[in-house]
Amino acid sequence: FSVFVALIILTTITVAASVMYPGKIGIAVAMVVTPVKATLILMYFMHLKFERPVFVIMFLVAVAILALVMGLTIVDYQYR
């Protein structure tokens, strides 16, 4: 229940920041709050917190590869 409440509060913060401060500040708040929300979802709702460390490492490697591919795509797009 506490994770659900935390997610509601973080969503409220994100929406309030985007309404009150549209633009760079709202985006910055969203960029900080969103990974926190994703971590809560991964740890509790996907039960990653209760898994063996090897599964956590496999997941983090997959996320790192995804981030690398997305980063390289962004760099390629900027220099075209």
PDB file of N, CA and C in Angstrom:
ATOM      1  N   PHE A   1       0.824  -1.197   0.000  1.00  0.00           N
ATOM      2  CA  PHE A   1       0.000   0.000   0.000  1.00  0.00           C
ATOM      3  C   PHE A   1       0.866   1.258   0.000  1.00  0.00           C
ATOM      4  N   SER A   2       1.969   1.220   0.721  1.00  0.00           N
ATOM      5  CA  SER A   2       2.834   2.405   0.799  1.00  0.00           C
ATOM      6  C   SER A   2       3.484   2.716  -0.552  1.00  0.00           C
ATOM      7  N   VAL A   3       3.778   1.692  -1.342  1.00  0.00           N
ATOM      8  CA  VAL A   3       4.341   1.929  -2.672  1.00  0.00           C
ATOM      9  C   VAL A   3       3.304   2.595  -3.566  1.00  0.00           C
ATOM     10  N   PHE A   4       2.077   2.155  -3.465  1.00  0.00           N
ATOM     11  CA  PHE A   4       0.992   2.761  -4.240  1.00  0.00           C
ATOM     12  C   PHE A   4       0.834   4.243  -3.878  1.00  0.00           C
ATOM     13  N   VAL A   5       0.860   4.553  -2.602  1.00  0.00           N
ATOM     14  CA  VAL A   5       0.742   5.948  -2.153  1.00  0.00           C
ATOM     15  C   VAL A   5       1.935   6.764  -2.645  1.00  0.00           C
ATOM     16  N   ALA A   6       3.128   6.184  -2.577  1.00  0.00           N
ATOM     17  CA  ALA A   6       4.319   6.890  -3.066  1.00  0.00           C
ATOM     18  C   ALA A   6       4.205   7.182  -4.556  1.00  0.00           C
ATOM     19  N   LEU A   7       3.701   6.224  -5.332  1.00  0.00           N
ATOM     20  CA  LEU A   7       3.530   6.443  -6.765  1.00  0.00           C
ATOM     21  C   LEU A   7       2.498   7.534  -7.053  1.00  0.00           C
ATOM     22  N   ILE A   8       1.432   7.561  -6.278  1.00  0.00           N
ATOM     23  CA  ILE A   8       0.423   8.621  -6.449  1.00  0.00           C
ATOM     24  C   ILE A   8       1.025   9.984  -6.130  1.00  0.00           C
ATOM     25  N   ILE A   9       1.791  10.066  -5.053  1.00  0.00           N
ATOM     26  CA  ILE A   9       2.418  11.339  -4.673  1.00  0.00           C
ATOM     27  C   ILE A   9       3.419  11.790  -5.737  1.00  0.00           C
ATOM     28  N   LEU A  10       4.235  10.868  -6.230  1.00  0.00           N
ATOM     29  CA  LEU A  10       5.217  11.228  -7.252  1.00  0.00           C
ATOM     30  C   LEU A  10       4.540  11.642  -8.562  1.00  0.00           C
ATOM     31  N   THR A  11       3.443  10.993  -8.906  1.00  0.00           N
ATOM     32  CA  THR A  11       2.694  11.394 -10.099  1.00  0.00           C
ATOM     33  C   THR A  11       2.102  12.782  -9.924  1.00  0.00           C
ATOM     34  N   THR A  12       1.591  13.060  -8.732  1.00  0.00           N
ATOM     35  CA  THR A  12       1.048  14.389  -8.444  1.00  0.00           C
ATOM     36  C   THR A  12       2.127  15.451  -8.555  1.00  0.00           C
ATOM     37  N   ILE A  13       3.311  15.159  -8.056  1.00  0.00           N
ATOM     38  CA  ILE A  13       4.429  16.113  -8.160  1.00  0.00           C
ATOM     39  C   ILE A  13       4.780  16.363  -9.618  1.00  0.00           C
ATOM     40  N   THR A  14       4.820  15.318 -10.414  1.00  0.00           N
ATOM     41  CA  THR A  14       5.153  15.462 -11.830  1.00  0.00           C
ATOM     42  C   THR A  14       4.114  16.301 -12.565  1.00  0.00           C
ATOM     43  N   VAL A  15       2.846  16.007 -12.337  1.00  0.00           N
ATOM     44  CA  VAL A  15       1.777  16.758 -13.008  1.00  0.00           C
ATOM     45  C   VAL A  15       1.764  18.208 -12.542  1.00  0.00           C
ATOM     46  N   ALA A  16       1.914  18.429 -11.244  1.00  0.00           N
ATOM     47  CA  ALA A  16       1.921  19.800 -10.722  1.00  0.00           C
ATOM     48  C   ALA A  16       3.089  20.603 -11.290  1.00  0.00           C
ATOM     49  N   ALA A  17       4.250  19.984 -11.402  1.00  0.00           N
ATOM     50  CA  ALA A  17       5.407  20.691 -11.958  1.00  0.00           C
ATOM     51  C   ALA A  17       5.195  21.026 -13.426  1.00  0.00           C
ATOM     52  N   SER A  18       4.571  20.114 -14.170  1.00  0.00           N
ATOM     53  CA  SER A  18       4.355  20.394 -15.589  1.00  0.00           C
ATOM     54  C   SER A  18       3.287  21.461 -15.809  1.00  0.00           C
ATOM     55  N   VAL A  19       2.331  21.574 -14.883  1.00  0.00           N
ATOM     56  CA  VAL A  19       1.290  22.591 -15.018  1.00  0.00           C
ATOM     57  C   VAL A  19       1.798  23.943 -14.529  1.00  0.00           C
ATOM     58  N   MET A  20       2.471  23.946 -13.384  1.00  0.00           N
ATOM     59  CA  MET A  20       2.921  25.210 -12.797  1.00  0.00           C
ATOM     60  C   MET A  20       4.161  25.776 -13.489  1.00  0.00           C
ATOM     61  N   TYR A  21       5.041  24.896 -13.958  1.00  0.00           N
ATOM     62  CA  TYR A  21       6.284  25.336 -14.591  1.00  0.00           C
ATOM     63  C   TYR A  21       6.467  24.638 -15.935  1.00  0.00           C
ATOM     64  N   PRO A  22       5.669  25.011 -16.938  1.00  0.00           N
ATOM     65  CA  PRO A  22       5.853  24.362 -18.239  1.00  0.00           C
ATOM     66  C   PRO A  22       7.195  24.779 -18.831  1.00  0.00           C
ATOM     67  N   GLY A  23       7.839  23.854 -19.438  1.00  0.00           N
ATOM     68  CA  GLY A  23       9.148  24.152 -20.021  1.00  0.00           C
ATOM     69  C   GLY A  23      10.240  23.365 -19.336  1.00  0.00           C
ATOM     70  N   LYS A  24      11.380  24.022 -19.195  1.00  0.00           N
ATOM     71  CA  LYS A  24      12.569  23.318 -18.721  1.00  0.00           C
ATOM     72  C   LYS A  24      12.459  22.832 -17.286  1.00  0.00           C
ATOM     73  N   ILE A  25      11.857  23.591 -16.415  1.00  0.00           N
ATOM     74  CA  ILE A  25      11.757  23.166 -15.014  1.00  0.00           C
ATOM     75  C   ILE A  25      10.824  21.972 -14.885  1.00  0.00           C
ATOM     76  N   GLY A  26       9.698  22.010 -15.552  1.00  0.00           N
ATOM     77  CA  GLY A  26       8.765  20.886 -15.520  1.00  0.00           C
ATOM     78  C   GLY A  26       9.384  19.621 -16.089  1.00  0.00           C
ATOM     79  N   ILE A  27      10.149  19.779 -17.168  1.00  0.00           N
ATOM     80  CA  ILE A  27      10.823  18.627 -17.763  1.00  0.00           C
ATOM     81  C   ILE A  27      11.897  18.095 -16.825  1.00  0.00           C
ATOM     82  N   ALA A  28      12.633  18.985 -16.180  1.00  0.00           N
ATOM     83  CA  ALA A  28      13.677  18.557 -15.247  1.00  0.00           C
ATOM     84  C   ALA A  28      13.079  17.772 -14.074  1.00  0.00           C
ATOM     85  N   VAL A  29      11.956  18.254 -13.556  1.00  0.00           N
ATOM     86  CA  VAL A  29      11.297  17.536 -12.458  1.00  0.00           C
ATOM     87  C   VAL A  29      10.840  16.162 -12.935  1.00  0.00           C
ATOM     88  N   ALA A  30      10.274  16.103 -14.125  1.00  0.00           N
ATOM     89  CA  ALA A  30       9.833  14.815 -14.667  1.00  0.00           C
ATOM     90  C   ALA A  30      11.006  13.867 -14.884  1.00  0.00           C
ATOM     91  N   MET A  31      12.139  14.395 -15.313  1.00  0.00           N
ATOM     92  CA  MET A  31      13.315  13.561 -15.546  1.00  0.00           C
ATOM     93  C   MET A  31      13.904  13.018 -14.248  1.00  0.00           C
ATOM     94  N   VAL A  32      13.661  13.705 -13.140  1.00  0.00           N
ATOM     95  CA  VAL A  32      14.148  13.228 -11.839  1.00  0.00           C
ATOM     96  C   VAL A  32      13.144  12.260 -11.216  1.00  0.00           C
ATOM     97  N   VAL A  33      11.870  12.568 -11.310  1.00  0.00           N
ATOM     98  CA  VAL A  33      10.841  11.769 -10.638  1.00  0.00           C
ATOM     99  C   VAL A  33      10.569  10.454 -11.368  1.00  0.00           C
ATOM    100  N   THR A  34      10.622  10.458 -12.682  1.00  0.00           N
ATOM    101  CA  THR A  34      10.280   9.267 -13.450  1.00  0.00           C
ATOM    102  C   THR A  34      11.176   8.063 -13.144  1.00  0.00           C
ATOM    103  N   PRO A  35      12.500   8.208 -13.057  1.00  0.00           N
ATOM    104  CA  PRO A  35      13.304   7.031 -12.684  1.00  0.00           C
ATOM    105  C   PRO A  35      12.997   6.498 -11.281  1.00  0.00           C
ATOM    106  N   VAL A  36      12.622   7.386 -10.373  1.00  0.00           N
ATOM    107  CA  VAL A  36      12.250   6.941  -9.027  1.00  0.00           C
ATOM    108  C   VAL A  36      10.982   6.094  -9.104  1.00  0.00           C
ATOM    109  N   LYS A  37      10.007   6.560  -9.869  1.00  0.00           N
ATOM    110  CA  LYS A  37       8.775   5.791 -10.042  1.00  0.00           C
ATOM    111  C   LYS A  37       9.049   4.454 -10.727  1.00  0.00           C
ATOM    112  N   ALA A  38       9.890   4.472 -11.747  1.00  0.00           N
ATOM    113  CA  ALA A  38      10.219   3.229 -12.449  1.00  0.00           C
ATOM    114  C   ALA A  38      10.921   2.246 -11.519  1.00  0.00           C
ATOM    115  N   THR A  39      11.790   2.754 -10.657  1.00  0.00           N
ATOM    116  CA  THR A  39      12.475   1.879  -9.707  1.00  0.00           C
ATOM    117  C   THR A  39      11.496   1.246  -8.732  1.00  0.00           C
ATOM    118  N   LEU A  40      10.556   2.033  -8.237  1.00  0.00           N
ATOM    119  CA  LEU A  40       9.545   1.474  -7.340  1.00  0.00           C
ATOM    120  C   LEU A  40       8.727   0.386  -8.029  1.00  0.00           C
ATOM    121  N   ILE A  41       8.332   0.637  -9.256  1.00  0.00           N
ATOM    122  CA  ILE A  41       7.543  -0.345 -10.000  1.00  0.00           C
ATOM    123  C   ILE A  41       8.344  -1.618 -10.236  1.00  0.00           C
ATOM    124  N   LEU A  42       9.594  -1.455 -10.649  1.00  0.00           N
ATOM    125  CA  LEU A  42      10.428  -2.627 -10.900  1.00  0.00           C
ATOM    126  C   LEU A  42      10.678  -3.429  -9.636  1.00  0.00           C
ATOM    127  N   MET A  43      10.973  -2.760  -8.564  1.00  0.00           N
ATOM    128  CA  MET A  43      11.334  -3.460  -7.335  1.00  0.00           C
ATOM    129  C   MET A  43      10.155  -4.175  -6.686  1.00  0.00           C
ATOM    130  N   TYR A  44       9.007  -3.537  -6.665  1.00  0.00           N
ATOM    131  CA  TYR A  44       7.888  -4.106  -5.913  1.00  0.00           C
ATOM    132  C   TYR A  44       6.858  -4.817  -6.779  1.00  0.00           C
ATOM    133  N   PHE A  45       6.413  -4.187  -7.867  1.00  0.00           N
ATOM    134  CA  PHE A  45       5.370  -4.803  -8.672  1.00  0.00           C
ATOM    135  C   PHE A  45       5.911  -5.887  -9.593  1.00  0.00           C
ATOM    136  N   MET A  46       7.174  -5.771  -9.994  1.00  0.00           N
ATOM    137  CA  MET A  46       7.781  -6.823 -10.814  1.00  0.00           C
ATOM    138  C   MET A  46       8.631  -7.768  -9.960  1.00  0.00           C
ATOM    139  N   HIS A  47       8.595  -7.575  -8.658  1.00  0.00           N
ATOM    140  CA  HIS A  47       9.248  -8.446  -7.679  1.00  0.00           C
ATOM    141  C   HIS A  47      10.749  -8.581  -7.888  1.00  0.00           C
ATOM    142  N   LEU A  48      11.384  -7.569  -8.445  1.00  0.00           N
ATOM    143  CA  LEU A  48      12.819  -7.620  -8.670  1.00  0.00           C
ATOM    144  C   LEU A  48      13.587  -7.531  -7.349  1.00  0.00           C
ATOM    145  N   LYS A  49      12.989  -6.932  -6.358  1.00  0.00           N
ATOM    146  CA  LYS A  49      13.630  -6.804  -5.052  1.00  0.00           C
ATOM    147  C   LYS A  49      13.832  -8.169  -4.399  1.00  0.00           C
ATOM    148  N   PHE A  50      12.957  -9.100  -4.681  1.00  0.00           N
ATOM    149  CA  PHE A  50      12.987 -10.395  -4.024  1.00  0.00           C
ATOM    150  C   PHE A  50      13.656 -11.486  -4.864  1.00  0.00           C
ATOM    151  N   GLU A  51      14.226 -11.118  -5.989  1.00  0.00           N
ATOM    152  CA  GLU A  51      14.882 -12.093  -6.858  1.00  0.00           C
ATOM    153  C   GLU A  51      16.354 -12.243  -6.481  1.00  0.00           C
ATOM    154  N   ARG A  52      16.972 -13.285  -7.047  1.00  0.00           N
ATOM    155  CA  ARG A  52      18.396 -13.491  -6.838  1.00  0.00           C
ATOM    156  C   ARG A  52      19.179 -12.401  -7.566  1.00  0.00           C
ATOM    157  N   PRO A  53      20.369 -12.074  -7.093  1.00  0.00           N
ATOM    158  CA  PRO A  53      21.162 -10.994  -7.708  1.00  0.00           C
ATOM    159  C   PRO A  53      21.480 -11.221  -9.186  1.00  0.00           C
ATOM    160  N   VAL A  54      21.560 -12.467  -9.623  1.00  0.00           N
ATOM    161  CA  VAL A  54      21.875 -12.706 -11.020  1.00  0.00           C
ATOM    162  C   VAL A  54      20.779 -12.159 -11.934  1.00  0.00           C
ATOM    163  N   PHE A  55      19.526 -12.232 -11.526  1.00  0.00           N
ATOM    164  CA  PHE A  55      18.440 -11.681 -12.338  1.00  0.00           C
ATOM    165  C   PHE A  55      18.489 -10.155 -12.371  1.00  0.00           C
ATOM    166  N   VAL A  56      18.862  -9.569 -11.258  1.00  0.00           N
ATOM    167  CA  VAL A  56      18.997  -8.107 -11.205  1.00  0.00           C
ATOM    168  C   VAL A  56      20.121  -7.665 -12.139  1.00  0.00           C
ATOM    169  N   ILE A  57      21.228  -8.390 -12.128  1.00  0.00           N
ATOM    170  CA  ILE A  57      22.353  -8.051 -13.005  1.00  0.00           C
ATOM    171  C   ILE A  57      21.955  -8.212 -14.470  1.00  0.00           C
ATOM    172  N   MET A  58      21.236  -9.281 -14.787  1.00  0.00           N
ATOM    173  CA  MET A  58      20.780  -9.482 -16.166  1.00  0.00           C
ATOM    174  C   MET A  58      19.869  -8.339 -16.606  1.00  0.00           C
ATOM    175  N   PHE A  59      18.991  -7.910 -15.730  1.00  0.00           N
ATOM    176  CA  PHE A  59      18.093  -6.812 -16.060  1.00  0.00           C
ATOM    177  C   PHE A  59      18.879  -5.516 -16.268  1.00  0.00           C
ATOM    178  N   LEU A  60      19.833  -5.238 -15.389  1.00  0.00           N
ATOM    179  CA  LEU A  60      20.621  -4.016 -15.516  1.00  0.00           C
ATOM    180  C   LEU A  60      21.478  -4.016 -16.779  1.00  0.00           C
ATOM    181  N   VAL A  61      21.982  -5.167 -17.172  1.00  0.00           N
ATOM    182  CA  VAL A  61      22.733  -5.263 -18.429  1.00  0.00           C
ATOM    183  C   VAL A  61      21.814  -4.949 -19.609  1.00  0.00           C
ATOM    184  N   ALA A  62      20.611  -5.472 -19.591  1.00  0.00           N
ATOM    185  CA  ALA A  62      19.664  -5.195 -20.675  1.00  0.00           C
ATOM    186  C   ALA A  62      19.325  -3.704 -20.739  1.00  0.00           C
ATOM    187  N   VAL A  63      19.135  -3.082 -19.585  1.00  0.00           N
ATOM    188  CA  VAL A  63      18.846  -1.646 -19.553  1.00  0.00           C
ATOM    189  C   VAL A  63      20.047  -0.850 -20.050  1.00  0.00           C
ATOM    190  N   ALA A  64      21.244  -1.263 -19.679  1.00  0.00           N
ATOM    191  CA  ALA A  64      22.453  -0.569 -20.134  1.00  0.00           C
ATOM    192  C   ALA A  64      22.609  -0.666 -21.651  1.00  0.00           C
ATOM    193  N   ILE A  65      22.337  -1.843 -22.217  1.00  0.00           N
ATOM    194  CA  ILE A  65      22.416  -1.999 -23.672  1.00  0.00           C
ATOM    195  C   ILE A  65      21.370  -1.137 -24.360  1.00  0.00           C
ATOM    196  N   LEU A  66      20.164  -1.095 -23.807  1.00  0.00           N
ATOM    197  CA  LEU A  66      19.115  -0.241 -24.369  1.00  0.00           C
ATOM    198  C   LEU A  66      19.536   1.229 -24.317  1.00  0.00           C
ATOM    199  N   ALA A  67      20.093   1.659 -23.189  1.00  0.00           N
ATOM    200  CA  ALA A  67      20.543   3.051 -23.053  1.00  0.00           C
ATOM    201  C   ALA A  67      21.663   3.363 -24.045  1.00  0.00           C
ATOM    202  N   LEU A  68      22.566   2.419 -24.245  1.00  0.00           N
ATOM    203  CA  LEU A  68      23.655   2.615 -25.197  1.00  0.00           C
ATOM    204  C   LEU A  68      23.123   2.769 -26.615  1.00  0.00           C
ATOM    205  N   VAL A  69      22.216   1.898 -27.005  1.00  0.00           N
ATOM    206  CA  VAL A  69      21.643   1.968 -28.360  1.00  0.00           C
ATOM    207  C   VAL A  69      20.869   3.272 -28.548  1.00  0.00           C
ATOM    208  N   MET A  70      20.088   3.652 -27.543  1.00  0.00           N
ATOM    209  CA  MET A  70      19.340   4.911 -27.659  1.00  0.00           C
ATOM    210  C   MET A  70      20.292   6.107 -27.708  1.00  0.00           C
ATOM    211  N   GLY A  71      21.335   6.076 -26.890  1.00  0.00           N
ATOM    212  CA  GLY A  71      22.313   7.166 -26.899  1.00  0.00           C
ATOM    213  C   GLY A  71      23.017   7.285 -28.234  1.00  0.00           C
ATOM    214  N   LEU A  72      23.424   6.164 -28.805  1.00  0.00           N
ATOM    215  CA  LEU A  72      24.069   6.197 -30.116  1.00  0.00           C
ATOM    216  C   LEU A  72      23.112   6.679 -31.195  1.00  0.00           C
ATOM    217  N   THR A  73      21.846   6.330 -31.088  1.00  0.00           N
ATOM    218  CA  THR A  73      20.855   6.801 -32.055  1.00  0.00           C
ATOM    219  C   THR A  73      20.675   8.307 -31.942  1.00  0.00           C
ATOM    220  N   ILE A  74      20.642   8.824 -30.738  1.00  0.00           N
ATOM    221  CA  ILE A  74      20.495  10.276 -30.545  1.00  0.00           C
ATOM    222  C   ILE A  74      21.703  11.013 -31.100  1.00  0.00           C
ATOM    223  N   VAL A  75      22.900  10.508 -30.834  1.00  0.00           N
ATOM    224  CA  VAL A  75      24.116  11.143 -31.358  1.00  0.00           C
ATOM    225  C   VAL A  75      24.113  11.106 -32.883  1.00  0.00           C
ATOM    226  N   ASP A  76      23.723   9.978 -33.466  1.00  0.00           N
ATOM    227  CA  ASP A  76      23.658   9.871 -34.923  1.00  0.00           C
ATOM    228  C   ASP A  76      22.647  10.857 -35.494  1.00  0.00           C
ATOM    229  N   TYR A  77      21.514  10.988 -34.850  1.00  0.00           N
ATOM    230  CA  TYR A  77      20.465  11.896 -35.317  1.00  0.00           C
ATOM    231  C   TYR A  77      20.922  13.354 -35.256  1.00  0.00           C
ATOM    232  N   GLN A  78      21.674  13.716 -34.208  1.00  0.00           N
ATOM    233  CA  GLN A  78      22.114  15.104 -34.052  1.00  0.00           C
ATOM    234  C   GLN A  78      23.128  15.521 -35.107  1.00  0.00           C
ATOM    235  N   TYR A  79      23.906  14.599 -35.602  1.00  0.00           N
ATOM    236  CA  TYR A  79      24.960  14.944 -36.556  1.00  0.00           C
ATOM    237  C   TYR A  79      24.574  14.674 -38.015  1.00  0.00           C
ATOM    238  N   ARG A  80      23.305  14.574 -38.275  1.00  0.00           N
ATOM    239  CA  ARG A  80      22.855  14.408 -39.659  1.00  0.00           C
ATOM    240  C   ARG A  80      22.423  15.725 -40.238  1.00  0.00           C
TER     241      ARG A  80
END
